[in-house]
Amino acid sequence: MKVTQKNVRVFHIEIDDEASFLDYFRKNTLLLKEFFLLVEGNITKNIAFVLEQSGVCYKEINNCNIRFGGIKKEAPLLEEEPKKEVISETVSEPKPLVKLKLYDRPIRSGEEIVENLPIVIFGRVNSGAKVFCEESMSIYGIIDGLVQCDGEYIVLNGISPRGHLIFNGEIVDRERLKQNVLQKIVMRDNVLEIKEVV
């Protein structure tokens, strides 16, 4: 017997109604094939048929007691007891310098980059290239491949019709992005905000 632990990129999809799921799935099939799908809700025969025919890997999880550690939810506010103010002198440690990974070149087709440091890319992300980053990113070329960013923000210059962008678990609709205009995407209260960088 051989047991190995793997890191898997997962999408958790909650189905409210068949029509909206099928529309979403058809628009994003190419992107979703790169991920393992955890599907929750009413999986109709049509939905099951489309999932099977598309060749995606998925699991129906209606009866699973799985914890989703990556999902950001607001913690309930707890009343705190009033604290007694204690005055003391402390010497603060110098803050460590934040490291950064810099790519002063295009990301080649077929290349896969996985980083847990902030990334700056001065070239384009070519079709077939994949970039996954747990921190913030800046991409000054056009995105033509797959980019996933789980940081506080992503700065980008545009996305081609073949490019895909996932920011903090949300697929960014390329219709909302401008071409050859520097834009910053952040998430506030679980809503994507896209602003031009001036």
C-alpha atoms as a PDB file:
ATOM      1  CA  MET A   1       0.000   0.000   0.000  1.00  0.00           C
ATOM      2  CA  LYS A   2       1.219   3.509  -0.791  1.00  0.00           C
ATOM      3  CA  VAL A   3      -0.264   6.642   0.775  1.00  0.00           C
ATOM      4  CA  THR A   4       0.807  10.131  -0.249  1.00  0.00           C
ATOM      5  CA  GLN A   5      -0.653  13.469   0.691  1.00  0.00           C
ATOM      6  CA  LYS A   6      -1.397  15.788  -2.233  1.00  0.00           C
ATOM      7  CA  ASN A   7      -2.362  19.428  -2.363  1.00  0.00           C
ATOM      8  CA  VAL A   8      -5.463  19.744  -4.521  1.00  0.00           C
ATOM      9  CA  ARG A   9      -7.014  22.899  -5.910  1.00  0.00           C
ATOM     10  CA  VAL A  10     -10.707  22.759  -5.053  1.00  0.00           C
ATOM     11  CA  PHE A  11     -13.832  24.713  -5.889  1.00  0.00           C
ATOM     12  CA  HIS A  12     -16.816  24.473  -3.535  1.00  0.00           C
ATOM     13  CA  ILE A  13     -20.017  25.027  -5.536  1.00  0.00           C
ATOM     14  CA  GLU A  14     -23.431  25.432  -3.896  1.00  0.00           C
ATOM     15  CA  ILE A  15     -26.256  24.900  -6.402  1.00  0.00           C
ATOM     16  CA  ASP A  16     -29.357  27.063  -5.909  1.00  0.00           C
ATOM     17  CA  ASP A  17     -31.085  26.285  -9.193  1.00  0.00           C
ATOM     18  CA  GLU A  18     -30.289  24.193 -12.251  1.00  0.00           C
ATOM     19  CA  ALA A  19     -30.405  26.959 -14.888  1.00  0.00           C
ATOM     20  CA  SER A  20     -27.962  29.319 -13.157  1.00  0.00           C
ATOM     21  CA  PHE A  21     -25.516  26.469 -12.414  1.00  0.00           C
ATOM     22  CA  LEU A  22     -25.582  25.175 -16.016  1.00  0.00           C
ATOM     23  CA  ASP A  23     -25.053  28.708 -17.365  1.00  0.00           C
ATOM     24  CA  TYR A  24     -22.125  29.283 -14.966  1.00  0.00           C
ATOM     25  CA  PHE A  25     -20.625  25.872 -15.735  1.00  0.00           C
ATOM     26  CA  ARG A  26     -20.804  26.350 -19.518  1.00  0.00           C
ATOM     27  CA  LYS A  27     -19.047  29.728 -19.272  1.00  0.00           C
ATOM     28  CA  ASN A  28     -16.270  28.369 -17.033  1.00  0.00           C
ATOM     29  CA  THR A  29     -15.863  24.709 -18.067  1.00  0.00           C
ATOM     30  CA  LEU A  30     -12.266  25.118 -19.299  1.00  0.00           C
ATOM     31  CA  LEU A  31     -11.239  26.720 -16.042  1.00  0.00           C
ATOM     32  CA  LEU A  32     -13.156  24.338 -13.770  1.00  0.00           C
ATOM     33  CA  LYS A  33     -11.481  21.303 -15.379  1.00  0.00           C
ATOM     34  CA  GLU A  34      -8.286  22.358 -13.583  1.00  0.00           C
ATOM     35  CA  PHE A  35      -9.936  21.884 -10.171  1.00  0.00           C
ATOM     36  CA  PHE A  36     -11.625  19.213  -8.061  1.00  0.00           C
ATOM     37  CA  LEU A  37     -15.245  20.298  -7.546  1.00  0.00           C
ATOM     38  CA  LEU A  38     -17.112  19.826  -4.263  1.00  0.00           C
ATOM     39  CA  VAL A  39     -20.758  20.150  -5.289  1.00  0.00           C
ATOM     40  CA  GLU A  40     -23.497  20.825  -2.764  1.00  0.00           C
ATOM     41  CA  GLY A  41     -27.237  21.294  -3.300  1.00  0.00           C
ATOM     42  CA  ASN A  42     -29.808  19.801  -5.650  1.00  0.00           C
ATOM     43  CA  ILE A  43     -27.868  17.838  -8.281  1.00  0.00           C
ATOM     44  CA  THR A  44     -30.504  17.125 -10.913  1.00  0.00           C
ATOM     45  CA  LYS A  45     -30.165  14.513 -13.666  1.00  0.00           C
ATOM     46  CA  ASN A  46     -29.248  17.288 -16.141  1.00  0.00           C
ATOM     47  CA  ILE A  47     -26.521  18.624 -13.851  1.00  0.00           C
ATOM     48  CA  ALA A  48     -25.125  15.128 -13.232  1.00  0.00           C
ATOM     49  CA  PHE A  49     -25.149  14.437 -16.994  1.00  0.00           C
ATOM     50  CA  VAL A  50     -23.301  17.695 -17.826  1.00  0.00           C
ATOM     51  CA  LEU A  51     -20.696  17.075 -15.100  1.00  0.00           C
ATOM     52  CA  GLU A  52     -20.091  13.496 -16.280  1.00  0.00           C
ATOM     53  CA  GLN A  53     -19.867  14.450 -19.968  1.00  0.00           C
ATOM     54  CA  SER A  54     -17.461  17.343 -19.338  1.00  0.00           C
ATOM     55  CA  GLY A  55     -14.889  15.085 -17.701  1.00  0.00           C
ATOM     56  CA  VAL A  56     -14.443  17.200 -14.553  1.00  0.00           C
ATOM     57  CA  CYS A  57     -13.589  15.524 -11.266  1.00  0.00           C
ATOM     58  CA  TYR A  58     -16.301  16.191  -8.707  1.00  0.00           C
ATOM     59  CA  LYS A  59     -17.867  14.863  -5.527  1.00  0.00           C
ATOM     60  CA  GLU A  60     -21.384  15.463  -4.242  1.00  0.00           C
ATOM     61  CA  ILE A  61     -20.963  16.509  -0.584  1.00  0.00           C
ATOM     62  CA  ASN A  62     -24.535  17.010   0.689  1.00  0.00           C
ATOM     63  CA  ASN A  63     -23.983  14.459   3.455  1.00  0.00           C
ATOM     64  CA  CYS A  64     -20.345  15.247   4.269  1.00  0.00           C
ATOM     65  CA  ASN A  65     -19.299  16.928   7.487  1.00  0.00           C
ATOM     66  CA  ILE A  66     -16.261  18.602   5.967  1.00  0.00           C
ATOM     67  CA  ARG A  67     -14.821  21.817   7.372  1.00  0.00           C
ATOM     68  CA  PHE A  68     -13.864  24.497   4.898  1.00  0.00           C
ATOM     69  CA  GLY A  69     -10.851  26.193   6.480  1.00  0.00           C
ATOM     70  CA  GLY A  70     -10.219  28.513   3.540  1.00  0.00           C
ATOM     71  CA  ILE A  71     -13.672  30.093   3.528  1.00  0.00           C
ATOM     72  CA  LYS A  72     -13.593  33.530   5.080  1.00  0.00           C
ATOM     73  CA  LYS A  73     -16.520  34.155   7.392  1.00  0.00           C
ATOM     74  CA  GLU A  74     -16.951  36.946   9.856  1.00  0.00           C
ATOM     75  CA  ALA A  75     -16.552  35.798  13.440  1.00  0.00           C
ATOM     76  CA  PRO A  76     -19.447  36.635  15.766  1.00  0.00           C
ATOM     77  CA  LEU A  77     -18.766  39.574  18.051  1.00  0.00           C
ATOM     78  CA  LEU A  78     -18.209  38.575  21.647  1.00  0.00           C
ATOM     79  CA  GLU A  79     -18.677  40.905  24.557  1.00  0.00           C
ATOM     80  CA  GLU A  80     -15.398  41.350  26.306  1.00  0.00           C
ATOM     81  CA  GLU A  81     -14.893  42.110  29.935  1.00  0.00           C
ATOM     82  CA  PRO A  82     -13.344  45.522  30.494  1.00  0.00           C
ATOM     83  CA  LYS A  83      -9.587  45.113  30.704  1.00  0.00           C
ATOM     84  CA  LYS A  84      -7.409  46.815  33.252  1.00  0.00           C
ATOM     85  CA  GLU A  85      -4.932  49.062  31.547  1.00  0.00           C
ATOM     86  CA  VAL A  86      -1.385  47.954  32.113  1.00  0.00           C
ATOM     87  CA  ILE A  87       1.391  50.327  31.160  1.00  0.00           C
ATOM     88  CA  SER A  88       4.713  48.760  30.420  1.00  0.00           C
ATOM     89  CA  GLU A  89       7.667  49.561  28.267  1.00  0.00           C
ATOM     90  CA  THR A  90       8.436  47.053  25.584  1.00  0.00           C
ATOM     91  CA  VAL A  91      11.124  47.084  23.003  1.00  0.00           C
ATOM     92  CA  SER A  92       9.604  46.148  19.673  1.00  0.00           C
ATOM     93  CA  GLU A  93      11.399  43.712  17.457  1.00  0.00           C
ATOM     94  CA  PRO A  94      12.298  45.067  14.029  1.00  0.00           C
ATOM     95  CA  LYS A  95       9.783  43.870  11.463  1.00  0.00           C
ATOM     96  CA  PRO A  96      11.187  41.303   9.068  1.00  0.00           C
ATOM     97  CA  LEU A  97      11.440  42.414   5.461  1.00  0.00           C
ATOM     98  CA  VAL A  98       8.723  40.993   3.270  1.00  0.00           C
ATOM     99  CA  LYS A  99      10.277  38.986   0.496  1.00  0.00           C
ATOM    100  CA  LEU A 100       9.047  39.164  -3.066  1.00  0.00           C
ATOM    101  CA  LYS A 101       9.395  36.926  -6.106  1.00  0.00           C
ATOM    102  CA  LEU A 102      10.128  38.838  -9.311  1.00  0.00           C
ATOM    103  CA  TYR A 103       9.711  37.471 -12.851  1.00  0.00           C
ATOM    104  CA  ASP A 104      11.207  39.898 -15.372  1.00  0.00           C
ATOM    105  CA  ARG A 105      10.092  37.777 -18.321  1.00  0.00           C
ATOM    106  CA  PRO A 106       6.976  36.204 -19.822  1.00  0.00           C
ATOM    107  CA  ILE A 107       5.645  33.038 -18.171  1.00  0.00           C
ATOM    108  CA  ARG A 108       5.988  30.357 -20.841  1.00  0.00           C
ATOM    109  CA  SER A 109       3.211  28.108 -22.087  1.00  0.00           C
ATOM    110  CA  GLY A 110       3.212  24.891 -20.034  1.00  0.00           C
ATOM    111  CA  GLU A 111       5.076  26.535 -17.130  1.00  0.00           C
ATOM    112  CA  GLU A 112       3.446  26.271 -13.686  1.00  0.00           C
ATOM    113  CA  ILE A 113       4.426  28.643 -10.877  1.00  0.00           C
ATOM    114  CA  VAL A 114       3.263  28.055  -7.293  1.00  0.00           C
ATOM    115  CA  GLU A 115       4.402  30.657  -4.727  1.00  0.00           C
ATOM    116  CA  ASN A 116       3.596  31.597  -1.146  1.00  0.00           C
ATOM    117  CA  LEU A 117       5.404  34.948  -1.491  1.00  0.00           C
ATOM    118  CA  PRO A 118       4.062  38.066  -3.215  1.00  0.00           C
ATOM    119  CA  ILE A 119       4.762  37.951  -6.987  1.00  0.00           C
ATOM    120  CA  VAL A 120       5.547  40.635  -9.574  1.00  0.00           C
ATOM    121  CA  ILE A 121       5.495  39.569 -13.240  1.00  0.00           C
ATOM    122  CA  PHE A 122       6.707  42.071 -15.856  1.00  0.00           C
ATOM    123  CA  GLY A 123       5.830  39.876 -18.864  1.00  0.00           C
ATOM    124  CA  ARG A 124       2.654  38.264 -20.080  1.00  0.00           C
ATOM    125  CA  VAL A 125       1.242  34.982 -18.756  1.00  0.00           C
ATOM    126  CA  ASN A 126       1.075  32.912 -21.944  1.00  0.00           C
ATOM    127  CA  SER A 127      -1.705  30.521 -22.917  1.00  0.00           C
ATOM    128  CA  GLY A 128      -1.208  27.202 -21.133  1.00  0.00           C
ATOM    129  CA  ALA A 129       0.820  28.800 -18.300  1.00  0.00           C
ATOM    130  CA  LYS A 130      -0.473  28.583 -14.729  1.00  0.00           C
ATOM    131  CA  VAL A 131       0.379  30.916 -11.845  1.00  0.00           C
ATOM    132  CA  PHE A 132      -0.867  30.205  -8.306  1.00  0.00           C
ATOM    133  CA  CYS A 133      -0.005  32.584  -5.464  1.00  0.00           C
ATOM    134  CA  GLU A 134      -1.128  32.644  -1.815  1.00  0.00           C
ATOM    135  CA  GLU A 135      -0.130  36.320  -1.514  1.00  0.00           C
ATOM    136  CA  SER A 136      -0.768  39.493  -3.526  1.00  0.00           C
ATOM    137  CA  MET A 137       0.320  39.760  -7.173  1.00  0.00           C
ATOM    138  CA  SER A 138       1.152  42.368  -9.794  1.00  0.00           C
ATOM    139  CA  ILE A 139       1.110  41.344 -13.472  1.00  0.00           C
ATOM    140  CA  TYR A 140       2.126  44.010 -15.996  1.00  0.00           C
ATOM    141  CA  GLY A 141       1.607  41.896 -19.120  1.00  0.00           C
ATOM    142  CA  ILE A 142      -1.619  40.452 -20.489  1.00  0.00           C
ATOM    143  CA  ILE A 143      -3.020  37.304 -18.827  1.00  0.00           C
ATOM    144  CA  ASP A 144      -3.528  34.654 -21.505  1.00  0.00           C
ATOM    145  CA  GLY A 145      -3.237  31.614 -19.187  1.00  0.00           C
ATOM    146  CA  LEU A 146      -4.607  30.733 -15.731  1.00  0.00           C
ATOM    147  CA  VAL A 147      -3.867  32.956 -12.716  1.00  0.00           C
ATOM    148  CA  GLN A 148      -5.072  32.294  -9.175  1.00  0.00           C
ATOM    149  CA  CYS A 149      -4.364  34.838  -6.429  1.00  0.00           C
ATOM    150  CA  ASP A 150      -5.402  34.435  -2.783  1.00  0.00           C
ATOM    151  CA  GLY A 151      -3.761  37.614  -1.452  1.00  0.00           C
ATOM    152  CA  GLU A 152      -5.082  41.030  -0.428  1.00  0.00           C
ATOM    153  CA  TYR A 153      -4.996  42.376  -3.980  1.00  0.00           C
ATOM    154  CA  ILE A 154      -3.981  41.753  -7.572  1.00  0.00           C
ATOM    155  CA  VAL A 155      -2.808  44.452  -9.980  1.00  0.00           C
ATOM    156  CA  LEU A 156      -3.107  43.584 -13.662  1.00  0.00           C
ATOM    157  CA  ASN A 157      -2.921  45.158 -17.092  1.00  0.00           C
ATOM    158  CA  GLY A 158      -5.635  43.124 -18.815  1.00  0.00           C
ATOM    159  CA  ILE A 159      -6.806  39.645 -19.705  1.00  0.00           C
ATOM    160  CA  SER A 160      -7.232  38.049 -23.123  1.00  0.00           C
ATOM    161  CA  PRO A 161     -10.351  36.099 -24.212  1.00  0.00           C
ATOM    162  CA  ARG A 162      -8.399  32.874 -23.450  1.00  0.00           C
ATOM    163  CA  GLY A 163      -7.160  34.022 -20.033  1.00  0.00           C
ATOM    164  CA  HIS A 164      -8.680  33.026 -16.690  1.00  0.00           C
ATOM    165  CA  LEU A 165      -8.393  34.798 -13.341  1.00  0.00           C
ATOM    166  CA  ILE A 166      -9.445  33.516  -9.915  1.00  0.00           C
ATOM    167  CA  PHE A 167      -9.165  35.969  -7.042  1.00  0.00           C
ATOM    168  CA  ASN A 168      -9.809  34.688  -3.504  1.00  0.00           C
ATOM    169  CA  GLY A 169     -11.907  31.809  -4.796  1.00  0.00           C
ATOM    170  CA  GLU A 170     -14.007  33.934  -7.191  1.00  0.00           C
ATOM    171  CA  ILE A 171     -13.758  33.601 -10.956  1.00  0.00           C
ATOM    172  CA  VAL A 172     -13.306  37.156 -12.243  1.00  0.00           C
ATOM    173  CA  ASP A 173     -15.524  37.889 -15.243  1.00  0.00           C
ATOM    174  CA  ARG A 174     -13.155  39.209 -17.930  1.00  0.00           C
ATOM    175  CA  GLU A 175     -15.964  41.468 -19.219  1.00  0.00           C
ATOM    176  CA  ARG A 176     -15.446  43.614 -16.089  1.00  0.00           C
ATOM    177  CA  LEU A 177     -11.762  44.206 -16.886  1.00  0.00           C
ATOM    178  CA  LYS A 178     -10.304  46.753 -19.296  1.00  0.00           C
ATOM    179  CA  GLN A 179      -7.463  45.945 -21.689  1.00  0.00           C
ATOM    180  CA  ASN A 180      -4.099  47.708 -21.415  1.00  0.00           C
ATOM    181  CA  VAL A 181      -5.266  49.673 -18.361  1.00  0.00           C
ATOM    182  CA  LEU A 182      -3.633  49.064 -14.983  1.00  0.00           C
ATOM    183  CA  GLN A 183      -6.325  47.891 -12.547  1.00  0.00           C
ATOM    184  CA  LYS A 184      -6.342  46.757  -8.922  1.00  0.00           C
ATOM    185  CA  ILE A 185      -8.754  44.108  -7.652  1.00  0.00           C
ATOM    186  CA  VAL A 186      -9.525  43.756  -3.945  1.00  0.00           C
ATOM    187  CA  MET A 187     -12.272  41.962  -2.038  1.00  0.00           C
ATOM    188  CA  ARG A 188     -14.339  43.941   0.455  1.00  0.00           C
ATOM    189  CA  ASP A 189     -17.213  42.261   2.329  1.00  0.00           C
ATOM    190  CA  ASN A 190     -17.036  39.298  -0.096  1.00  0.00           C
ATOM    191  CA  VAL A 191     -17.562  41.609  -3.103  1.00  0.00           C
ATOM    192  CA  LEU A 192     -14.906  42.153  -5.792  1.00  0.00           C
ATOM    193  CA  GLU A 193     -13.881  45.782  -6.293  1.00  0.00           C
ATOM    194  CA  ILE A 194     -12.025  46.726  -9.482  1.00  0.00           C
ATOM    195  CA  LYS A 195     -10.402  50.162  -9.699  1.00  0.00           C
ATOM    196  CA  GLU A 196      -8.071  51.754 -12.200  1.00  0.00           C
ATOM    197  CA  VAL A 197      -4.585  52.534 -10.899  1.00  0.00           C
ATOM    198  CA  VAL A 198      -3.785  56.129 -11.732  1.00  0.00           C
END
